[in-house]
Amino acid sequence: KDWQIRNMAAGFRQLPLDRELMMTMKAKVKSSYHQNFFID
């Protein structure tokens, strides 16, 4: 969150995350990684 403020102040615009990619990554972590890992 600190970096978000700094990046915006430096003149950068944040792009939204790709929904499909996020769903794929969350499913991969849930199915293939230790249960205590998470992606959000």
PDB file of all heavy atoms in Angstrom:
ATOM      1  N   LYS A   1       0.829  -1.212   0.000  1.00  0.00           N
ATOM      2  CA  LYS A   1       0.000   0.000   0.000  1.00  0.00           C
ATOM      3  C   LYS A   1       0.864   1.263   0.000  1.00  0.00           C
ATOM      4  O   LYS A   1       0.515   2.257  -0.634  1.00  0.00           O
ATOM      5  CB  LYS A   1      -0.957  -0.018   1.186  1.00  0.00           C
ATOM      6  CG  LYS A   1      -2.028  -1.091   1.049  1.00  0.00           C
ATOM      7  CD  LYS A   1      -2.967  -1.116   2.220  1.00  0.00           C
ATOM      8  CE  LYS A   1      -4.003  -2.210   2.050  1.00  0.00           C
ATOM      9  NZ  LYS A   1      -4.971  -2.256   3.122  1.00  0.00           N
ATOM     10  N   ASP A   2       1.987   1.204   0.717  1.00  0.00           N
ATOM     11  CA  ASP A   2       2.937   2.330   0.667  1.00  0.00           C
ATOM     12  C   ASP A   2       3.472   2.508  -0.748  1.00  0.00           C
ATOM     13  O   ASP A   2       3.591   3.621  -1.254  1.00  0.00           O
ATOM     14  CB  ASP A   2       4.111   2.105   1.626  1.00  0.00           C
ATOM     15  CG  ASP A   2       3.713   2.160   3.082  1.00  0.00           C
ATOM     16  OD1 ASP A   2       2.749   2.878   3.416  1.00  0.00           O
ATOM     17  OD2 ASP A   2       4.375   1.483   3.901  1.00  0.00           O
ATOM     18  N   TRP A   3       3.811   1.393  -1.397  1.00  0.00           N
ATOM     19  CA  TRP A   3       4.335   1.455  -2.757  1.00  0.00           C
ATOM     20  C   TRP A   3       3.276   1.959  -3.736  1.00  0.00           C
ATOM     21  O   TRP A   3       3.598   2.656  -4.700  1.00  0.00           O
ATOM     22  CB  TRP A   3       4.866   0.091  -3.188  1.00  0.00           C
ATOM     23  CG  TRP A   3       6.227  -0.170  -2.643  1.00  0.00           C
ATOM     24  CD1 TRP A   3       6.569  -1.079  -1.680  1.00  0.00           C
ATOM     25  CD2 TRP A   3       7.434   0.496  -3.004  1.00  0.00           C
ATOM     26  NE1 TRP A   3       7.912  -1.009  -1.424  1.00  0.00           N
ATOM     27  CE2 TRP A   3       8.473  -0.051  -2.226  1.00  0.00           C
ATOM     28  CE3 TRP A   3       7.737   1.521  -3.906  1.00  0.00           C
ATOM     29  CZ2 TRP A   3       9.793   0.383  -2.337  1.00  0.00           C
ATOM     30  CZ3 TRP A   3       9.052   1.943  -4.009  1.00  0.00           C
ATOM     31  CH2 TRP A   3      10.062   1.381  -3.236  1.00  0.00           C
ATOM     32  N   GLN A   4       2.030   1.623  -3.487  1.00  0.00           N
ATOM     33  CA  GLN A   4       0.967   2.104  -4.368  1.00  0.00           C
ATOM     34  C   GLN A   4       0.929   3.631  -4.347  1.00  0.00           C
ATOM     35  O   GLN A   4       0.850   4.270  -5.391  1.00  0.00           O
ATOM     36  CB  GLN A   4      -0.379   1.525  -3.932  1.00  0.00           C
ATOM     37  CG  GLN A   4      -1.509   1.946  -4.833  1.00  0.00           C
ATOM     38  CD  GLN A   4      -2.744   1.092  -4.641  1.00  0.00           C
ATOM     39  OE1 GLN A   4      -2.729   0.104  -3.933  1.00  0.00           O
ATOM     40  NE2 GLN A   4      -3.815   1.466  -5.311  1.00  0.00           N
ATOM     41  N   ILE A   5       1.007   4.203  -3.175  1.00  0.00           N
ATOM     42  CA  ILE A   5       1.005   5.665  -3.041  1.00  0.00           C
ATOM     43  C   ILE A   5       2.218   6.264  -3.745  1.00  0.00           C
ATOM     44  O   ILE A   5       2.102   7.255  -4.474  1.00  0.00           O
ATOM     45  CB  ILE A   5       0.965   6.061  -1.550  1.00  0.00           C
ATOM     46  CG1 ILE A   5      -0.379   5.662  -0.945  1.00  0.00           C
ATOM     47  CG2 ILE A   5       1.233   7.544  -1.365  1.00  0.00           C
ATOM     48  CD1 ILE A   5      -0.422   5.706   0.574  1.00  0.00           C
ATOM     49  N   ARG A   6       3.391   5.665  -3.537  1.00  0.00           N
ATOM     50  CA  ARG A   6       4.619   6.180  -4.168  1.00  0.00           C
ATOM     51  C   ARG A   6       4.544   6.080  -5.684  1.00  0.00           C
ATOM     52  O   ARG A   6       4.933   7.012  -6.393  1.00  0.00           O
ATOM     53  CB  ARG A   6       5.825   5.405  -3.656  1.00  0.00           C
ATOM     54  CG  ARG A   6       6.141   5.698  -2.209  1.00  0.00           C
ATOM     55  CD  ARG A   6       7.325   4.926  -1.747  1.00  0.00           C
ATOM     56  NE  ARG A   6       8.524   5.534  -2.343  1.00  0.00           N
ATOM     57  CZ  ARG A   6       9.744   5.184  -2.022  1.00  0.00           C
ATOM     58  NH1 ARG A   6       9.949   4.227  -1.139  1.00  0.00           N
ATOM     59  NH2 ARG A   6      10.779   5.757  -2.589  1.00  0.00           N
ATOM     60  N   ASN A   7       4.076   4.950  -6.202  1.00  0.00           N
ATOM     61  CA  ASN A   7       3.984   4.780  -7.652  1.00  0.00           C
ATOM     62  C   ASN A   7       3.031   5.802  -8.264  1.00  0.00           C
ATOM     63  O   ASN A   7       3.325   6.387  -9.309  1.00  0.00           O
ATOM     64  CB  ASN A   7       3.536   3.366  -8.000  1.00  0.00           C
ATOM     65  CG  ASN A   7       4.590   2.316  -7.705  1.00  0.00           C
ATOM     66  OD1 ASN A   7       5.743   2.627  -7.436  1.00  0.00           O
ATOM     67  ND2 ASN A   7       4.177   1.061  -7.727  1.00  0.00           N
ATOM     68  N   MET A   8       1.898   6.005  -7.620  1.00  0.00           N
ATOM     69  CA  MET A   8       0.927   6.972  -8.139  1.00  0.00           C
ATOM     70  C   MET A   8       1.490   8.384  -8.087  1.00  0.00           C
ATOM     71  O   MET A   8       1.324   9.161  -9.040  1.00  0.00           O
ATOM     72  CB  MET A   8      -0.386   6.858  -7.373  1.00  0.00           C
ATOM     73  CG  MET A   8      -1.118   5.554  -7.659  1.00  0.00           C
ATOM     74  SD  MET A   8      -2.532   5.232  -6.589  1.00  0.00           S
ATOM     75  CE  MET A   8      -3.608   6.579  -7.023  1.00  0.00           C
ATOM     76  N   ALA A   9       2.168   8.728  -7.003  1.00  0.00           N
ATOM     77  CA  ALA A   9       2.771  10.056  -6.878  1.00  0.00           C
ATOM     78  C   ALA A   9       3.862  10.281  -7.928  1.00  0.00           C
ATOM     79  O   ALA A   9       4.110  11.416  -8.342  1.00  0.00           O
ATOM     80  CB  ALA A   9       3.344  10.238  -5.471  1.00  0.00           C
ATOM     81  N   ALA A  10       4.497   9.191  -8.365  1.00  0.00           N
ATOM     82  CA  ALA A  10       5.551   9.282  -9.379  1.00  0.00           C
ATOM     83  C   ALA A  10       4.985   9.298 -10.799  1.00  0.00           C
ATOM     84  O   ALA A  10       5.739   9.321 -11.773  1.00  0.00           O
ATOM     85  CB  ALA A  10       6.531   8.124  -9.219  1.00  0.00           C
ATOM     86  N   GLY A  11       3.670   9.259 -10.916  1.00  0.00           N
ATOM     87  CA  GLY A  11       3.054   9.364 -12.237  1.00  0.00           C
ATOM     88  C   GLY A  11       2.819   8.047 -12.948  1.00  0.00           C
ATOM     89  O   GLY A  11       2.872   7.984 -14.175  1.00  0.00           O
ATOM     90  N   PHE A  12       2.538   7.010 -12.187  1.00  0.00           N
ATOM     91  CA  PHE A  12       2.209   5.721 -12.783  1.00  0.00           C
ATOM     92  C   PHE A  12       0.760   5.376 -12.469  1.00  0.00           C
ATOM     93  O   PHE A  12       0.240   5.758 -11.425  1.00  0.00           O
ATOM     94  CB  PHE A  12       3.133   4.618 -12.261  1.00  0.00           C
ATOM     95  CG  PHE A  12       4.538   4.741 -12.777  1.00  0.00           C
ATOM     96  CD1 PHE A  12       5.447   5.573 -12.159  1.00  0.00           C
ATOM     97  CD2 PHE A  12       4.938   4.036 -13.900  1.00  0.00           C
ATOM     98  CE1 PHE A  12       6.745   5.705 -12.636  1.00  0.00           C
ATOM     99  CE2 PHE A  12       6.226   4.156 -14.384  1.00  0.00           C
ATOM    100  CZ  PHE A  12       7.131   4.995 -13.755  1.00  0.00           C
ATOM    101  N   ARG A  13       0.123   4.670 -13.389  1.00  0.00           N
ATOM    102  CA  ARG A  13      -1.258   4.249 -13.217  1.00  0.00           C
ATOM    103  C   ARG A  13      -1.295   2.736 -13.100  1.00  0.00           C
ATOM    104  O   ARG A  13      -0.699   2.019 -13.915  1.00  0.00           O
ATOM    105  CB  ARG A  13      -2.114   4.713 -14.395  1.00  0.00           C
ATOM    106  CG  ARG A  13      -3.586   4.338 -14.266  1.00  0.00           C
ATOM    107  CD  ARG A  13      -4.426   4.967 -15.366  1.00  0.00           C
ATOM    108  NE  ARG A  13      -4.048   4.573 -16.705  1.00  0.00           N
ATOM    109  CZ  ARG A  13      -4.461   3.479 -17.336  1.00  0.00           C
ATOM    110  NH1 ARG A  13      -5.282   2.639 -16.727  1.00  0.00           N
ATOM    111  NH2 ARG A  13      -4.080   3.215 -18.566  1.00  0.00           N
ATOM    112  N   GLN A  14      -2.008   2.253 -12.086  1.00  0.00           N
ATOM    113  CA  GLN A  14      -2.090   0.823 -11.834  1.00  0.00           C
ATOM    114  C   GLN A  14      -3.104   0.182 -12.773  1.00  0.00           C
ATOM    115  O   GLN A  14      -4.179   0.728 -13.016  1.00  0.00           O
ATOM    116  CB  GLN A  14      -2.486   0.596 -10.378  1.00  0.00           C
ATOM    117  CG  GLN A  14      -2.302  -0.803  -9.906  1.00  0.00           C
ATOM    118  CD  GLN A  14      -2.537  -0.930  -8.410  1.00  0.00           C
ATOM    119  OE1 GLN A  14      -3.142  -0.065  -7.785  1.00  0.00           O
ATOM    120  NE2 GLN A  14      -2.082  -2.020  -7.843  1.00  0.00           N
ATOM    121  N   LEU A  15      -2.736  -0.988 -13.276  1.00  0.00           N
ATOM    122  CA  LEU A  15      -3.627  -1.734 -14.155  1.00  0.00           C
ATOM    123  C   LEU A  15      -4.384  -2.788 -13.355  1.00  0.00           C
ATOM    124  O   LEU A  15      -3.847  -3.354 -12.400  1.00  0.00           O
ATOM    125  CB  LEU A  15      -2.825  -2.418 -15.266  1.00  0.00           C
ATOM    126  CG  LEU A  15      -2.042  -1.478 -16.187  1.00  0.00           C
ATOM    127  CD1 LEU A  15      -1.206  -2.299 -17.163  1.00  0.00           C
ATOM    128  CD2 LEU A  15      -2.985  -0.549 -16.921  1.00  0.00           C
ATOM    129  N   PRO A  16      -5.613  -3.077 -13.737  1.00  0.00           N
ATOM    130  CA  PRO A  16      -6.360  -4.126 -13.029  1.00  0.00           C
ATOM    131  C   PRO A  16      -5.767  -5.505 -13.307  1.00  0.00           C
ATOM    132  O   PRO A  16      -5.128  -5.727 -14.329  1.00  0.00           O
ATOM    133  CB  PRO A  16      -7.779  -4.012 -13.598  1.00  0.00           C
ATOM    134  CG  PRO A  16      -7.668  -3.193 -14.822  1.00  0.00           C
ATOM    135  CD  PRO A  16      -6.390  -2.428 -14.776  1.00  0.00           C
ATOM    136  N   LEU A  17      -5.986  -6.395 -12.370  1.00  0.00           N
ATOM    137  CA  LEU A  17      -5.541  -7.770 -12.527  1.00  0.00           C
ATOM    138  C   LEU A  17      -6.451  -8.500 -13.503  1.00  0.00           C
ATOM    139  O   LEU A  17      -7.647  -8.210 -13.582  1.00  0.00           O
ATOM    140  CB  LEU A  17      -5.572  -8.490 -11.174  1.00  0.00           C
ATOM    141  CG  LEU A  17      -4.632  -7.939 -10.111  1.00  0.00           C
ATOM    142  CD1 LEU A  17      -4.956  -8.556  -8.751  1.00  0.00           C
ATOM    143  CD2 LEU A  17      -3.188  -8.190 -10.481  1.00  0.00           C
ATOM    144  N   ASP A  18      -5.895  -9.430 -14.218  1.00  0.00           N
ATOM    145  CA  ASP A  18      -6.669 -10.240 -15.151  1.00  0.00           C
ATOM    146  C   ASP A  18      -7.466 -11.276 -14.345  1.00  0.00           C
ATOM    147  O   ASP A  18      -6.887 -12.105 -13.650  1.00  0.00           O
ATOM    148  CB  ASP A  18      -5.704 -10.930 -16.128  1.00  0.00           C
ATOM    149  CG  ASP A  18      -6.420 -11.768 -17.157  1.00  0.00           C
ATOM    150  OD1 ASP A  18      -6.831 -12.904 -16.807  1.00  0.00           O
ATOM    151  OD2 ASP A  18      -6.558 -11.301 -18.300  1.00  0.00           O
ATOM    152  N   ARG A  19      -8.792 -11.216 -14.416  1.00  0.00           N
ATOM    153  CA  ARG A  19      -9.674 -12.100 -13.641  1.00  0.00           C
ATOM    154  C   ARG A  19      -9.395 -13.574 -13.908  1.00  0.00           C
ATOM    155  O   ARG A  19      -9.320 -14.379 -12.991  1.00  0.00           O
ATOM    156  CB  ARG A  19     -11.148 -11.830 -13.977  1.00  0.00           C
ATOM    157  CG  ARG A  19     -11.647 -10.499 -13.569  1.00  0.00           C
ATOM    158  CD  ARG A  19     -11.874 -10.446 -12.060  1.00  0.00           C
ATOM    159  NE  ARG A  19     -11.308  -9.191 -11.601  1.00  0.00           N
ATOM    160  CZ  ARG A  19     -10.446  -9.061 -10.617  1.00  0.00           C
ATOM    161  NH1 ARG A  19     -10.053 -10.076  -9.919  1.00  0.00           N
ATOM    162  NH2 ARG A  19      -9.962  -7.893 -10.278  1.00  0.00           N
ATOM    163  N   GLU A  20      -9.265 -13.928 -15.178  1.00  0.00           N
ATOM    164  CA  GLU A  20      -9.051 -15.329 -15.535  1.00  0.00           C
ATOM    165  C   GLU A  20      -7.715 -15.830 -14.987  1.00  0.00           C
ATOM    166  O   GLU A  20      -7.630 -16.936 -14.451  1.00  0.00           O
ATOM    167  CB  GLU A  20      -9.099 -15.496 -17.058  1.00  0.00           C
ATOM    168  CG  GLU A  20      -9.088 -16.940 -17.500  1.00  0.00           C
ATOM    169  CD  GLU A  20      -9.262 -17.074 -19.001  1.00  0.00           C
ATOM    170  OE1 GLU A  20     -10.069 -16.331 -19.589  1.00  0.00           O
ATOM    171  OE2 GLU A  20      -8.586 -17.954 -19.566  1.00  0.00           O
ATOM    172  N   LEU A  21      -6.685 -15.017 -15.110  1.00  0.00           N
ATOM    173  CA  LEU A  21      -5.380 -15.399 -14.583  1.00  0.00           C
ATOM    174  C   LEU A  21      -5.430 -15.570 -13.067  1.00  0.00           C
ATOM    175  O   LEU A  21      -4.883 -16.536 -12.531  1.00  0.00           O
ATOM    176  CB  LEU A  21      -4.320 -14.357 -14.959  1.00  0.00           C
ATOM    177  CG  LEU A  21      -2.918 -14.604 -14.432  1.00  0.00           C
ATOM    178  CD1 LEU A  21      -2.353 -15.907 -14.989  1.00  0.00           C
ATOM    179  CD2 LEU A  21      -2.014 -13.429 -14.781  1.00  0.00           C
ATOM    180  N   MET A  22      -6.105 -14.667 -12.374  1.00  0.00           N
ATOM    181  CA  MET A  22      -6.220 -14.775 -10.917  1.00  0.00           C
ATOM    182  C   MET A  22      -6.967 -16.051 -10.523  1.00  0.00           C
ATOM    183  O   MET A  22      -6.558 -16.742  -9.594  1.00  0.00           O
ATOM    184  CB  MET A  22      -6.916 -13.549 -10.327  1.00  0.00           C
ATOM    185  CG  MET A  22      -6.050 -12.306 -10.276  1.00  0.00           C
ATOM    186  SD  MET A  22      -4.555 -12.524  -9.277  1.00  0.00           S
ATOM    187  CE  MET A  22      -5.236 -12.809  -7.657  1.00  0.00           C
ATOM    188  N   MET A  23      -8.042 -16.374 -11.212  1.00  0.00           N
ATOM    189  CA  MET A  23      -8.790 -17.596 -10.907  1.00  0.00           C
ATOM    190  C   MET A  23      -7.915 -18.826 -11.147  1.00  0.00           C
ATOM    191  O   MET A  23      -7.912 -19.763 -10.335  1.00  0.00           O
ATOM    192  CB  MET A  23     -10.069 -17.668 -11.748  1.00  0.00           C
ATOM    193  CG  MET A  23     -11.125 -16.689 -11.289  1.00  0.00           C
ATOM    194  SD  MET A  23     -12.685 -16.634 -12.238  1.00  0.00           S
ATOM    195  CE  MET A  23     -12.698 -18.069 -13.223  1.00  0.00           C
ATOM    196  N   THR A  24      -7.148 -18.821 -12.223  1.00  0.00           N
ATOM    197  CA  THR A  24      -6.255 -19.940 -12.538  1.00  0.00           C
ATOM    198  C   THR A  24      -5.184 -20.087 -11.459  1.00  0.00           C
ATOM    199  O   THR A  24      -4.914 -21.198 -10.987  1.00  0.00           O
ATOM    200  CB  THR A  24      -5.599 -19.735 -13.921  1.00  0.00           C
ATOM    201  OG1 THR A  24      -6.625 -19.636 -14.909  1.00  0.00           O
ATOM    202  CG2 THR A  24      -4.644 -20.862 -14.250  1.00  0.00           C
ATOM    203  N   MET A  25      -4.597 -18.981 -11.056  1.00  0.00           N
ATOM    204  CA  MET A  25      -3.541 -19.037 -10.048  1.00  0.00           C
ATOM    205  C   MET A  25      -4.081 -19.486  -8.692  1.00  0.00           C
ATOM    206  O   MET A  25      -3.453 -20.287  -8.002  1.00  0.00           O
ATOM    207  CB  MET A  25      -2.836 -17.689  -9.948  1.00  0.00           C
ATOM    208  CG  MET A  25      -2.044 -17.381 -11.207  1.00  0.00           C
ATOM    209  SD  MET A  25      -1.118 -15.873 -11.124  1.00  0.00           S
ATOM    210  CE  MET A  25       0.110 -16.316  -9.921  1.00  0.00           C
ATOM    211  N   LYS A  26      -5.234 -18.986  -8.305  1.00  0.00           N
ATOM    212  CA  LYS A  26      -5.832 -19.414  -7.041  1.00  0.00           C
ATOM    213  C   LYS A  26      -6.131 -20.916  -7.058  1.00  0.00           C
ATOM    214  O   LYS A  26      -5.880 -21.619  -6.074  1.00  0.00           O
ATOM    215  CB  LYS A  26      -7.113 -18.622  -6.758  1.00  0.00           C
ATOM    216  CG  LYS A  26      -6.867 -17.201  -6.322  1.00  0.00           C
ATOM    217  CD  LYS A  26      -8.179 -16.469  -6.087  1.00  0.00           C
ATOM    218  CE  LYS A  26      -7.947 -15.041  -5.669  1.00  0.00           C
ATOM    219  NZ  LYS A  26      -9.206 -14.347  -5.377  1.00  0.00           N
ATOM    220  N   ALA A  27      -6.659 -21.406  -8.175  1.00  0.00           N
ATOM    221  CA  ALA A  27      -6.954 -22.839  -8.290  1.00  0.00           C
ATOM    222  C   ALA A  27      -5.673 -23.661  -8.237  1.00  0.00           C
ATOM    223  O   ALA A  27      -5.635 -24.720  -7.597  1.00  0.00           O
ATOM    224  CB  ALA A  27      -7.722 -23.110  -9.588  1.00  0.00           C
ATOM    225  N   LYS A  28      -4.621 -23.196  -8.890  1.00  0.00           N
ATOM    226  CA  LYS A  28      -3.336 -23.912  -8.888  1.00  0.00           C
ATOM    227  C   LYS A  28      -2.758 -23.972  -7.480  1.00  0.00           C
ATOM    228  O   LYS A  28      -2.301 -25.037  -7.039  1.00  0.00           O
ATOM    229  CB  LYS A  28      -2.360 -23.210  -9.833  1.00  0.00           C
ATOM    230  CG  LYS A  28      -0.999 -23.833  -9.898  1.00  0.00           C
ATOM    231  CD  LYS A  28      -1.040 -25.151 -10.634  1.00  0.00           C
ATOM    232  CE  LYS A  28       0.371 -25.655 -10.859  1.00  0.00           C
ATOM    233  NZ  LYS A  28       0.379 -26.987 -11.424  1.00  0.00           N
ATOM    234  N   VAL A  29      -2.789 -22.874  -6.760  1.00  0.00           N
ATOM    235  CA  VAL A  29      -2.269 -22.856  -5.388  1.00  0.00           C
ATOM    236  C   VAL A  29      -3.088 -23.782  -4.504  1.00  0.00           C
ATOM    237  O   VAL A  29      -2.542 -24.558  -3.712  1.00  0.00           O
ATOM    238  CB  VAL A  29      -2.235 -21.417  -4.821  1.00  0.00           C
ATOM    239  CG1 VAL A  29      -2.005 -21.414  -3.323  1.00  0.00           C
ATOM    240  CG2 VAL A  29      -1.158 -20.599  -5.519  1.00  0.00           C
ATOM    241  N   LYS A  30      -4.402 -23.744  -4.650  1.00  0.00           N
ATOM    242  CA  LYS A  30      -5.277 -24.585  -3.832  1.00  0.00           C
ATOM    243  C   LYS A  30      -5.067 -26.072  -4.121  1.00  0.00           C
ATOM    244  O   LYS A  30      -5.073 -26.889  -3.200  1.00  0.00           O
ATOM    245  CB  LYS A  30      -6.735 -24.192  -4.058  1.00  0.00           C
ATOM    246  CG  LYS A  30      -7.685 -24.874  -3.120  1.00  0.00           C
ATOM    247  CD  LYS A  30      -9.084 -24.322  -3.251  1.00  0.00           C
ATOM    248  CE  LYS A  30      -9.973 -24.973  -2.206  1.00  0.00           C
ATOM    249  NZ  LYS A  30     -11.247 -24.323  -2.078  1.00  0.00           N
ATOM    250  N   SER A  31      -4.843 -26.415  -5.386  1.00  0.00           N
ATOM    251  CA  SER A  31      -4.737 -27.834  -5.750  1.00  0.00           C
ATOM    252  C   SER A  31      -3.324 -28.400  -5.618  1.00  0.00           C
ATOM    253  O   SER A  31      -3.165 -29.596  -5.410  1.00  0.00           O
ATOM    254  CB  SER A  31      -5.227 -28.053  -7.178  1.00  0.00           C
ATOM    255  OG  SER A  31      -4.332 -27.467  -8.112  1.00  0.00           O
ATOM    256  N   SER A  32      -2.302 -27.567  -5.721  1.00  0.00           N
ATOM    257  CA  SER A  32      -0.945 -28.094  -5.828  1.00  0.00           C
ATOM    258  C   SER A  32       0.028 -27.639  -4.737  1.00  0.00           C
ATOM    259  O   SER A  32       1.152 -28.125  -4.707  1.00  0.00           O
ATOM    260  CB  SER A  32      -0.345 -27.702  -7.181  1.00  0.00           C
ATOM    261  OG  SER A  32      -1.164 -28.167  -8.227  1.00  0.00           O
ATOM    262  N   TYR A  33      -0.366 -26.727  -3.912  1.00  0.00           N
ATOM    263  CA  TYR A  33       0.547 -26.196  -2.912  1.00  0.00           C
ATOM    264  C   TYR A  33       0.051 -26.527  -1.510  1.00  0.00           C
ATOM    265  O   TYR A  33      -1.090 -26.939  -1.322  1.00  0.00           O
ATOM    266  CB  TYR A  33       0.696 -24.679  -3.075  1.00  0.00           C
ATOM    267  CG  TYR A  33       1.495 -24.295  -4.300  1.00  0.00           C
ATOM    268  CD1 TYR A  33       0.917 -24.319  -5.568  1.00  0.00           C
ATOM    269  CD2 TYR A  33       2.827 -23.926  -4.195  1.00  0.00           C
ATOM    270  CE1 TYR A  33       1.645 -23.989  -6.696  1.00  0.00           C
ATOM    271  CE2 TYR A  33       3.563 -23.587  -5.316  1.00  0.00           C
ATOM    272  CZ  TYR A  33       2.964 -23.619  -6.566  1.00  0.00           C
ATOM    273  OH  TYR A  33       3.690 -23.297  -7.679  1.00  0.00           O
ATOM    274  N   HIS A  34       0.895 -26.308  -0.534  1.00  0.00           N
ATOM    275  CA  HIS A  34       0.521 -26.545   0.861  1.00  0.00           C
ATOM    276  C   HIS A  34      -0.715 -25.719   1.190  1.00  0.00           C
ATOM    277  O   HIS A  34      -0.885 -24.594   0.716  1.00  0.00           O
ATOM    278  CB  HIS A  34       1.694 -26.162   1.777  1.00  0.00           C
ATOM    279  CG  HIS A  34       1.502 -26.594   3.187  1.00  0.00           C
ATOM    280  ND1 HIS A  34       0.743 -25.864   4.075  1.00  0.00           N
ATOM    281  CD2 HIS A  34       1.943 -27.673   3.864  1.00  0.00           C
ATOM    282  CE1 HIS A  34       0.734 -26.483   5.248  1.00  0.00           C
ATOM    283  NE2 HIS A  34       1.462 -27.584   5.148  1.00  0.00           N
ATOM    284  N   GLN A  35      -1.564 -26.261   2.035  1.00  0.00           N
ATOM    285  CA  GLN A  35      -2.846 -25.622   2.363  1.00  0.00           C
ATOM    286  C   GLN A  35      -2.699 -24.246   3.001  1.00  0.00           C
ATOM    287  O   GLN A  35      -3.645 -23.452   2.982  1.00  0.00           O
ATOM    288  CB  GLN A  35      -3.653 -26.520   3.294  1.00  0.00           C
ATOM    289  CG  GLN A  35      -3.010 -26.708   4.657  1.00  0.00           C
ATOM    290  CD  GLN A  35      -3.760 -27.712   5.509  1.00  0.00           C
ATOM    291  OE1 GLN A  35      -4.662 -28.382   5.039  1.00  0.00           O
ATOM    292  NE2 GLN A  35      -3.372 -27.811   6.758  1.00  0.00           N
ATOM    293  N   ASN A  36      -1.540 -23.932   3.575  1.00  0.00           N
ATOM    294  CA  ASN A  36      -1.358 -22.634   4.229  1.00  0.00           C
ATOM    295  C   ASN A  36      -0.921 -21.518   3.289  1.00  0.00           C
ATOM    296  O   ASN A  36      -0.893 -20.362   3.677  1.00  0.00           O
ATOM    297  CB  ASN A  36      -0.364 -22.749   5.382  1.00  0.00           C
ATOM    298  CG  ASN A  36      -0.955 -23.504   6.545  1.00  0.00           C
ATOM    299  OD1 ASN A  36      -2.151 -23.441   6.806  1.00  0.00           O
ATOM    300  ND2 ASN A  36      -0.136 -24.256   7.247  1.00  0.00           N
ATOM    301  N   PHE A  37      -0.568 -21.870   2.039  1.00  0.00           N
ATOM    302  CA  PHE A  37      -0.284 -20.829   1.055  1.00  0.00           C
ATOM    303  C   PHE A  37      -1.601 -20.222   0.598  1.00  0.00           C
ATOM    304  O   PHE A  37      -2.617 -20.899   0.519  1.00  0.00           O
ATOM    305  CB  PHE A  37       0.419 -21.410  -0.174  1.00  0.00           C
ATOM    306  CG  PHE A  37       1.882 -21.654   0.002  1.00  0.00           C
ATOM    307  CD1 PHE A  37       2.367 -22.943   0.016  1.00  0.00           C
ATOM    308  CD2 PHE A  37       2.775 -20.607   0.136  1.00  0.00           C
ATOM    309  CE1 PHE A  37       3.720 -23.195   0.170  1.00  0.00           C
ATOM    310  CE2 PHE A  37       4.131 -20.839   0.293  1.00  0.00           C
ATOM    311  CZ  PHE A  37       4.603 -22.139   0.313  1.00  0.00           C
ATOM    312  N   PHE A  38      -1.552 -18.939   0.259  1.00  0.00           N
ATOM    313  CA  PHE A  38      -2.743 -18.326  -0.331  1.00  0.00           C
ATOM    314  C   PHE A  38      -2.351 -17.274  -1.351  1.00  0.00           C
ATOM    315  O   PHE A  38      -1.255 -16.729  -1.339  1.00  0.00           O
ATOM    316  CB  PHE A  38      -3.664 -17.710   0.735  1.00  0.00           C
ATOM    317  CG  PHE A  38      -3.132 -16.468   1.394  1.00  0.00           C
ATOM    318  CD1 PHE A  38      -3.313 -15.215   0.815  1.00  0.00           C
ATOM    319  CD2 PHE A  38      -2.459 -16.552   2.604  1.00  0.00           C
ATOM    320  CE1 PHE A  38      -2.830 -14.071   1.439  1.00  0.00           C
ATOM    321  CE2 PHE A  38      -1.977 -15.420   3.228  1.00  0.00           C
ATOM    322  CZ  PHE A  38      -2.158 -14.171   2.641  1.00  0.00           C
ATOM    323  N   ILE A  39      -3.275 -17.048  -2.266  1.00  0.00           N
ATOM    324  CA  ILE A  39      -3.199 -15.938  -3.215  1.00  0.00           C
ATOM    325  C   ILE A  39      -4.509 -15.196  -3.075  1.00  0.00           C
ATOM    326  O   ILE A  39      -5.581 -15.797  -3.032  1.00  0.00           O
ATOM    327  CB  ILE A  39      -3.003 -16.424  -4.664  1.00  0.00           C
ATOM    328  CG1 ILE A  39      -1.581 -16.949  -4.831  1.00  0.00           C
ATOM    329  CG2 ILE A  39      -3.277 -15.298  -5.643  1.00  0.00           C
ATOM    330  CD1 ILE A  39      -1.221 -17.293  -6.259  1.00  0.00           C
ATOM    331  N   ASP A  40      -4.400 -13.877  -2.987  1.00  0.00           N
ATOM    332  CA  ASP A  40      -5.585 -13.038  -2.859  1.00  0.00           C
ATOM    333  C   ASP A  40      -5.328 -11.768  -3.649  1.00  0.00           C
ATOM    334  O   ASP A  40      -4.281 -11.620  -4.282  1.00  0.00           O
ATOM    335  CB  ASP A  40      -5.853 -12.735  -1.380  1.00  0.00           C
ATOM    336  CG  ASP A  40      -7.314 -12.397  -1.107  1.00  0.00           C
ATOM    337  OD1 ASP A  40      -8.098 -12.256  -2.069  1.00  0.00           O
ATOM    338  OD2 ASP A  40      -7.656 -12.259   0.068  1.00  0.00           O
TER     339      ASP A  40
END
